[in-house]
């Protein structure tokens, strides 16, 4: 994405000489949990994943953010710290906006409205995901995930690890659910990373409440 095509271009165009473009390779840290960064980032290309890790190594995928969104240790702006690592899920191109420039931008009510809308929308999505994991059982959530990522009756995935991270579910639990779906004739293993959906009606009925919760609109 070109800078001129971003949602914030008209607000930052006068500061571009002070807002560098940086590149981050896939797998590298954009920011670590205990870094008190003096800047935030705006994603021009790629995707980041935000993870929280406990002192005993338990990892939770908090969010995934793509282009035209802010990222960084934004919680510091609210005098707190969520202790999250921000990692490049793909190769990234970012705008690096330091705190001095951000303060000037925030004096523009239009920019601050965009900033708070975008960041609060992410918090809402994170909260809704957390509620989902508590309101529905894991087989309902997996059924929803399979349907949302299937095409022409086939569910193809990159890795079991990615699914577990996204759904905040253990590998053992995920394998148990997938095996149960196979034993019941709901899905059929085709290749190492794909399933054929044999009973879409069952999955839709299983995922119906999750679908209504996540996609309700007024």
Foldseek 3Di string as FASTA:
>chain_A
DDLVPAPCCVLCVVPVVVWDKDKDAAFDWPDFQPDPDQWKKAFAAAKKWKWAADPVGDIATQDMDGHNAIGDQCCVVVVDGPRIIIGGNHITIITIGGNVNVVVSCVPVVSVVVNCVRVVVSVVLSVLLVVLPVPADPLLVVLQVQVVQDDPQKGFDDDLVVVCNVNVHDSVVVVVSVVVCVVVVQWADDDPGMIGGRCNVVSCVSNVVVCCSVDPDD
